[in-house]
Amino acid sequence: MYTVAVVGATGVVGQEFLSILEEREFPIRQVRLFASARSKGLTLTFKGAEIPVEELSKEADLSGIQIVLSSPGASVSREFMPLFGKAGAVVIDNTSAFRMEPDVPLVVPEVNGSAAKNHPRNIIANPNCSTIQMVVALKPIHDLAKVTRVVVSSYQSVSGAGSRAIYELEAQVNAFVQGIEAPPPEKFAHPIAFNCIPQIDVFMENRFTKEEMKMVNETHKILDPNIRVTATCVRVPVFRGHAESVYVETEKKVSVEDVRGAMSRMPGLEIVDNPANKEYPLQVYSEGRDPVYVGRLRGDTGSDRAFNMWVVSDNIRKGAALNAVQIAELLVEKKWL
């Protein structure tokens, strides 16, 4: 039985951590909840008990904590997660703070679970939500025929930007329905209701956004640095669930049937692909579900060593909280703590 801390407990991902820990019956002796000072005094329910939220501060007593599930924002993680690590806990951090640090493993259990064994700083990074679902889909293809190039366009829900983004979409939709003027956008640069915004995070010098470069760099670290990856990330007016159109080139020529067979054996991956019956993965149906879904699998019209597919997953669940809990389960199972 373990003492587990949830940092950023009052946020969207923090609350999903608690739900999944309870649902999967993680062996918990005690759960401690941390958030910013404005959440101090709140309580959250876990297994029927009301647990007080503690303020995350440098004066907090971190002794006895063995596992930390963290999603408080990158700047907070950079400041506080090393303190948990030095106190003896293994931190599984869901922010971008440590993902590309060379001495911090970046882990998707179904893809590169063995990387979690060595964590010299007592920190393991959870990849970006859009990266997680893509590499789960790419892994069986890479093992079968060696992926050489990926072109991905993502269609990402507002929940990936946090609770304020969810409220912003709700407010704009409600205003439209009521025929009143919507409040000005705050979380996004433009109105998101009935709109698509081809920008997630800030633009970088190469004219790609930070989100797009996360998909490139994290895929290299998790799967293979030799894969050529390019991404376009778009925010869409969906509350929860990310979708991706993925073009894949392989070194070896293989059939769509072989790719489908390899995918069907991949843990955490589910194929929904019956176009004749209009069956393919949908964001609205991914909510609250564990798998990464793949459909619209087909060969490419311009290359006999290329495939196209549509990949969908719940970004708060597999794209964040579930993946982190699966890492914790792996640490417990393999005695890597």
Protein backbone atom coordinates (compact mmCIF):
# COMPACT_ATOMS: atom_id res chain seq x y z
CA MET A 1 0.00 0.00 0.00
CA TYR A 2 1.32 3.41 -0.96
CA THR A 3 1.03 7.03 0.06
CA VAL A 4 0.15 8.96 -3.09
CA ALA A 5 0.12 12.73 -3.54
CA VAL A 6 -1.94 14.42 -6.24
CA VAL A 7 -0.58 17.87 -7.12
CA GLY A 8 -2.94 20.18 -8.96
CA ALA A 9 -5.76 18.19 -7.39
CA THR A 10 -8.53 20.69 -8.09
CA GLY A 11 -7.81 20.93 -11.82
CA VAL A 12 -9.39 18.90 -14.61
CA VAL A 13 -6.54 16.37 -14.74
CA GLY A 14 -6.15 16.29 -10.94
CA GLN A 15 -9.76 15.26 -10.47
CA GLU A 16 -9.36 12.65 -13.21
CA PHE A 17 -6.36 11.25 -11.31
CA LEU A 18 -8.57 10.65 -8.29
CA SER A 19 -11.33 9.07 -10.33
CA ILE A 20 -8.96 6.65 -12.06
CA LEU A 21 -7.06 5.73 -8.89
CA GLU A 22 -10.36 4.77 -7.28
CA GLU A 23 -11.72 3.04 -10.35
CA ARG A 24 -8.60 0.91 -10.89
CA GLU A 25 -8.24 0.15 -7.16
CA PHE A 26 -4.68 1.40 -6.96
CA PRO A 27 -3.12 0.16 -3.69
CA ILE A 28 -3.35 3.37 -1.68
CA ARG A 29 -2.70 3.68 2.04
CA GLN A 30 -3.18 7.43 2.08
CA VAL A 31 -3.87 10.09 -0.54
CA ARG A 32 -2.73 13.68 -0.06
CA LEU A 33 -4.03 16.51 -2.20
CA PHE A 34 -2.06 19.64 -3.08
CA ALA A 35 -3.09 22.76 -4.96
CA SER A 36 -2.46 26.52 -4.93
CA ALA A 37 -3.22 28.72 -1.95
CA ARG A 38 -6.63 29.69 -3.34
CA SER A 39 -7.77 26.05 -3.04
CA LYS A 40 -6.61 25.59 0.54
CA GLY A 41 -9.50 24.49 2.73
CA LEU A 42 -11.44 22.81 -0.05
CA THR A 43 -12.14 19.12 0.19
CA LEU A 44 -12.39 16.49 -2.54
CA THR A 45 -14.05 13.10 -2.28
CA PHE A 46 -11.99 9.93 -2.62
CA LYS A 47 -13.50 6.51 -1.88
CA GLY A 48 -16.34 8.16 -0.01
CA ALA A 49 -14.08 10.20 2.28
CA GLU A 50 -13.63 13.96 2.21
CA ILE A 51 -9.91 14.74 1.78
CA PRO A 52 -8.69 18.28 2.55
CA VAL A 53 -6.65 20.11 -0.06
CA GLU A 54 -3.27 21.26 1.22
CA GLU A 55 -1.45 24.32 -0.03
CA LEU A 56 1.55 23.51 -2.19
CA SER A 57 4.36 25.45 -0.55
CA LYS A 58 8.01 25.03 0.31
CA GLU A 59 6.98 24.60 3.95
CA ALA A 60 4.73 21.61 3.19
CA ASP A 61 5.66 18.32 4.88
CA LEU A 62 6.54 15.93 2.04
CA SER A 63 7.78 13.05 4.21
CA GLY A 64 6.29 9.61 3.66
CA ILE A 65 5.00 10.29 0.15
CA GLN A 66 6.03 7.52 -2.24
CA ILE A 67 4.31 8.44 -5.52
CA VAL A 68 3.32 11.86 -6.87
CA LEU A 69 0.87 12.39 -9.70
CA SER A 70 1.46 15.96 -10.80
CA SER A 71 -0.41 18.32 -13.12
CA PRO A 72 -0.13 21.86 -11.74
CA GLY A 73 1.38 23.66 -14.74
CA ALA A 74 4.97 23.61 -15.99
CA SER A 75 6.35 26.52 -13.94
CA VAL A 76 4.95 25.09 -10.70
CA SER A 77 6.29 21.65 -11.54
CA ARG A 78 9.76 23.00 -12.21
CA GLU A 79 9.77 24.66 -8.80
CA PHE A 80 8.23 21.95 -6.65
CA MET A 81 8.61 18.49 -8.21
CA PRO A 82 12.36 18.26 -7.49
CA LEU A 83 11.48 18.83 -3.82
CA PHE A 84 9.18 15.79 -3.82
CA GLY A 85 11.90 13.81 -5.57
CA LYS A 86 14.53 14.79 -3.02
CA ALA A 87 12.12 13.80 -0.24
CA GLY A 88 12.06 10.26 -1.66
CA ALA A 89 8.93 10.18 -3.80
CA VAL A 90 8.83 9.19 -7.46
CA VAL A 91 7.09 11.98 -9.37
CA ILE A 92 5.05 11.30 -12.50
CA ASP A 93 4.68 14.75 -13.97
CA ASN A 94 2.04 15.62 -16.55
CA THR A 95 3.46 19.01 -17.55
CA SER A 96 6.02 19.96 -20.18
CA ALA A 97 8.58 20.91 -17.52
CA PHE A 98 10.83 17.84 -17.70
CA ARG A 99 9.84 15.97 -20.86
CA MET A 100 12.94 16.73 -22.86
CA GLU A 101 15.43 16.56 -20.00
CA PRO A 102 17.94 13.82 -20.90
CA ASP A 103 17.90 12.28 -17.40
CA VAL A 104 14.10 12.17 -17.16
CA PRO A 105 12.34 9.26 -18.90
CA LEU A 106 9.36 10.13 -21.11
CA VAL A 107 7.01 7.17 -20.91
CA VAL A 108 3.95 5.66 -22.56
CA PRO A 109 3.68 2.23 -20.87
CA GLU A 110 2.44 0.34 -23.96
CA VAL A 111 5.20 1.84 -26.11
CA ASN A 112 8.37 2.23 -24.02
CA GLY A 113 7.43 1.11 -20.50
CA SER A 114 10.94 -0.15 -19.71
CA ALA A 115 12.19 3.45 -19.83
CA ALA A 116 10.47 4.04 -16.47
CA LYS A 117 12.93 1.74 -14.68
CA ASN A 118 15.72 4.32 -14.48
CA HIS A 119 14.66 7.67 -13.05
CA PRO A 120 17.79 9.19 -11.45
CA ARG A 121 16.02 12.42 -10.45
CA ASN A 122 12.96 10.54 -9.15
CA ILE A 123 10.96 12.22 -11.93
CA ILE A 124 9.20 10.52 -14.83
CA ALA A 125 7.52 12.66 -17.47
CA ASN A 126 4.09 12.04 -18.95
CA PRO A 127 4.13 13.00 -22.66
CA ASN A 128 1.86 15.54 -24.30
CA CYS A 129 -1.70 14.26 -24.87
CA SER A 130 -1.50 14.49 -28.65
CA THR A 131 1.82 12.64 -28.70
CA ILE A 132 0.57 9.80 -26.49
CA GLN A 133 -2.28 8.73 -28.74
CA MET A 134 -0.17 9.02 -31.88
CA VAL A 135 2.75 6.90 -30.64
CA VAL A 136 0.37 4.20 -29.35
CA ALA A 137 -0.97 3.98 -32.93
CA LEU A 138 2.49 4.19 -34.53
CA LYS A 139 4.23 1.60 -32.33
CA PRO A 140 2.82 -1.56 -34.01
CA ILE A 141 3.51 -0.11 -37.48
CA HIS A 142 7.07 0.79 -36.48
CA ASP A 143 7.70 -2.71 -35.14
CA LEU A 144 6.26 -4.24 -38.32
CA ALA A 145 7.77 -2.11 -41.06
CA LYS A 146 9.85 0.72 -39.52
CA VAL A 147 8.19 4.11 -39.77
CA THR A 148 10.31 6.67 -41.60
CA ARG A 149 7.98 9.69 -41.91
CA VAL A 150 4.85 11.01 -40.19
CA VAL A 151 2.65 13.95 -41.19
CA VAL A 152 -0.01 14.64 -38.57
CA SER A 153 -2.83 17.16 -38.35
CA SER A 154 -4.49 17.27 -34.93
CA TYR A 155 -8.00 18.40 -34.04
CA GLN A 156 -7.75 19.08 -30.32
CA SER A 157 -10.56 19.71 -27.84
CA VAL A 158 -10.72 22.74 -25.57
CA SER A 159 -10.26 20.66 -22.40
CA GLY A 160 -6.61 20.37 -23.37
CA ALA A 161 -6.33 24.04 -22.40
CA GLY A 162 -7.92 23.54 -18.97
CA SER A 163 -11.18 24.32 -17.21
CA ARG A 164 -11.22 28.00 -18.23
CA ALA A 165 -11.19 26.94 -21.88
CA ILE A 166 -14.17 24.65 -21.30
CA TYR A 167 -16.11 27.50 -19.69
CA GLU A 168 -15.18 29.80 -22.58
CA LEU A 169 -16.64 27.43 -25.18
CA GLU A 170 -19.76 26.92 -23.04
CA ALA A 171 -20.28 30.67 -22.66
CA GLN A 172 -19.89 31.34 -26.38
CA VAL A 173 -22.28 28.54 -27.36
CA ASN A 174 -24.85 29.67 -24.78
CA ALA A 175 -24.63 33.25 -26.05
CA PHE A 176 -25.20 32.08 -29.63
CA VAL A 177 -28.24 30.00 -28.62
CA GLN A 178 -29.71 32.90 -26.65
CA GLY A 179 -29.01 35.38 -29.44
CA ILE A 180 -26.88 37.63 -27.26
CA GLU A 181 -23.36 38.94 -27.64
CA ALA A 182 -20.74 36.48 -26.43
CA PRO A 183 -18.15 37.57 -23.88
CA PRO A 184 -14.79 38.37 -25.48
CA PRO A 185 -12.38 35.42 -25.70
CA GLU A 186 -9.81 35.25 -22.93
CA LYS A 187 -8.27 31.79 -23.07
CA PHE A 188 -8.01 31.68 -26.84
CA ALA A 189 -6.91 34.37 -29.29
CA HIS A 190 -10.20 34.07 -31.20
CA PRO A 191 -13.73 32.79 -30.56
CA ILE A 192 -13.69 29.00 -30.40
CA ALA A 193 -17.43 28.27 -30.71
CA PHE A 194 -18.28 27.14 -34.27
CA ASN A 195 -14.70 27.85 -35.23
CA CYS A 196 -11.30 26.17 -35.64
CA ILE A 197 -8.12 27.91 -34.53
CA PRO A 198 -4.88 26.74 -36.22
CA GLN A 199 -2.75 27.63 -33.23
CA ILE A 200 -2.10 25.73 -30.01
CA ASP A 201 0.45 27.36 -27.71
CA VAL A 202 2.87 30.04 -28.90
CA PHE A 203 4.62 30.30 -32.28
CA MET A 204 8.32 29.56 -32.39
CA GLU A 205 11.07 30.93 -34.63
CA ASN A 206 10.54 28.14 -37.19
CA ARG A 207 6.85 29.21 -37.54
CA PHE A 208 5.63 26.01 -35.93
CA THR A 209 3.82 26.24 -32.61
CA LYS A 210 5.20 24.87 -29.38
CA GLU A 211 2.50 22.17 -29.42
CA GLU A 212 3.56 21.06 -32.89
CA MET A 213 7.20 20.83 -31.89
CA LYS A 214 6.23 18.83 -28.79
CA MET A 215 4.78 16.19 -31.11
CA VAL A 216 7.99 16.14 -33.14
CA ASN A 217 10.47 16.08 -30.26
CA GLU A 218 8.52 13.74 -28.00
CA THR A 219 7.96 11.20 -30.77
CA HIS A 220 11.71 11.18 -31.34
CA LYS A 221 12.43 10.58 -27.66
CA ILE A 222 9.75 7.93 -27.12
CA LEU A 223 9.80 5.99 -30.39
CA ASP A 224 12.72 6.73 -32.70
CA PRO A 225 14.83 9.87 -33.33
CA ASN A 226 15.17 8.93 -37.01
CA ILE A 227 11.47 9.31 -37.83
CA ARG A 228 10.80 12.51 -39.76
CA VAL A 229 7.76 14.15 -38.15
CA THR A 230 5.83 17.29 -39.02
CA ALA A 231 2.64 18.48 -37.34
CA THR A 232 -0.17 21.00 -37.64
CA CYS A 233 -2.19 21.38 -34.44
CA VAL A 234 -5.68 22.87 -34.50
CA ARG A 235 -8.04 23.73 -31.63
CA VAL A 236 -11.62 22.69 -32.43
CA PRO A 237 -14.94 23.39 -30.65
CA VAL A 238 -15.13 19.99 -28.95
CA PHE A 239 -15.22 19.72 -25.16
CA ARG A 240 -13.20 16.55 -24.74
CA GLY A 241 -11.26 14.14 -26.94
CA HIS A 242 -8.50 14.77 -29.47
CA ALA A 243 -8.49 13.51 -33.07
CA GLU A 244 -5.58 13.21 -35.47
CA SER A 245 -5.24 12.58 -39.19
CA VAL A 246 -1.94 10.70 -39.50
CA TYR A 247 0.00 9.95 -42.69
CA VAL A 248 2.69 7.29 -42.19
CA GLU A 249 5.51 6.21 -44.50
CA THR A 250 7.35 2.95 -43.83
CA GLU A 251 10.74 1.61 -44.86
CA LYS A 252 9.33 -1.79 -45.81
CA LYS A 253 6.32 -2.41 -48.02
CA VAL A 254 3.50 -4.10 -46.10
CA SER A 255 -0.20 -4.51 -46.71
CA VAL A 256 -3.02 -2.68 -44.97
CA GLU A 257 -4.15 -6.09 -43.69
CA ASP A 258 -0.76 -6.68 -42.06
CA VAL A 259 -0.88 -3.24 -40.44
CA ARG A 260 -4.41 -3.87 -39.20
CA GLY A 261 -3.33 -7.22 -37.75
CA ALA A 262 -0.39 -5.66 -35.92
CA MET A 263 -2.62 -2.91 -34.53
CA SER A 264 -5.19 -5.43 -33.33
CA ARG A 265 -2.54 -6.99 -31.08
CA MET A 266 -1.39 -3.67 -29.62
CA PRO A 267 -2.35 -3.17 -25.93
CA GLY A 268 -4.42 -0.04 -25.38
CA LEU A 269 -5.38 0.27 -29.04
CA GLU A 270 -8.84 -0.46 -30.43
CA ILE A 271 -9.78 -0.52 -34.11
CA VAL A 272 -13.11 1.02 -35.13
CA ASP A 273 -13.02 0.82 -38.89
CA ASN A 274 -16.13 -0.18 -40.84
CA PRO A 275 -16.77 2.60 -43.38
CA ALA A 276 -19.66 0.73 -44.99
CA ASN A 277 -21.60 1.14 -41.74
CA LYS A 278 -20.22 4.64 -41.09
CA GLU A 279 -18.20 3.29 -38.15
CA TYR A 280 -15.03 5.19 -37.30
CA PRO A 281 -13.66 6.80 -34.12
CA LEU A 282 -15.43 9.95 -32.91
CA GLN A 283 -14.26 12.37 -30.26
CA VAL A 284 -17.67 12.55 -28.62
CA TYR A 285 -17.63 8.77 -28.00
CA SER A 286 -14.08 8.65 -26.65
CA GLU A 287 -14.92 10.61 -23.51
CA GLY A 288 -14.35 8.62 -20.33
CA ARG A 289 -12.90 5.65 -22.18
CA ASP A 290 -9.41 4.21 -21.90
CA PRO A 291 -8.33 3.10 -25.40
CA VAL A 292 -6.75 4.91 -28.25
CA TYR A 293 -9.08 4.35 -31.21
CA VAL A 294 -7.95 3.96 -34.83
CA GLY A 295 -10.10 4.01 -37.95
CA ARG A 296 -10.12 5.11 -41.60
CA LEU A 297 -7.03 2.91 -42.05
CA ARG A 298 -6.10 2.84 -45.72
CA GLY A 299 -3.20 2.76 -48.11
CA ASP A 300 -2.03 6.01 -49.63
CA THR A 301 -2.83 7.01 -53.21
CA GLY A 302 0.67 8.36 -53.84
CA SER A 303 2.93 5.68 -52.31
CA ASP A 304 2.84 1.91 -51.88
CA ARG A 305 4.74 2.27 -48.60
CA ALA A 306 2.40 4.74 -46.94
CA PHE A 307 -0.81 4.62 -44.92
CA ASN A 308 -3.41 7.04 -43.61
CA MET A 309 -5.38 6.70 -40.39
CA TRP A 310 -7.67 8.60 -38.03
CA VAL A 311 -6.68 8.41 -34.35
CA VAL A 312 -8.94 9.46 -31.47
CA SER A 313 -8.54 9.38 -27.70
CA ASP A 314 -9.81 11.08 -24.54
CA ASN A 315 -7.08 13.66 -23.95
CA ILE A 316 -7.83 13.99 -20.23
CA ARG A 317 -7.90 10.24 -19.69
CA LYS A 318 -5.32 8.36 -21.79
CA GLY A 319 -3.75 11.64 -22.85
CA ALA A 320 -3.01 12.63 -19.26
CA ALA A 321 -4.33 11.00 -16.08
CA LEU A 322 -4.66 7.38 -17.15
CA ASN A 323 -1.20 7.27 -18.73
CA ALA A 324 0.30 8.61 -15.49
CA VAL A 325 -1.57 6.08 -13.34
CA GLN A 326 -0.45 3.30 -15.71
CA ILE A 327 3.15 4.42 -15.14
CA ALA A 328 2.54 4.26 -11.37
CA GLU A 329 1.07 0.77 -11.75
CA LEU A 330 4.14 -0.27 -13.74
CA LEU A 331 6.46 1.05 -11.03
CA VAL A 332 4.57 -0.93 -8.41
CA GLU A 333 4.34 -4.11 -10.48
CA LYS A 334 8.04 -4.12 -11.43
CA LYS A 335 9.20 -2.81 -8.01
CA TRP A 336 10.94 0.12 -9.72
CA LEU A 337 10.08 2.62 -6.98
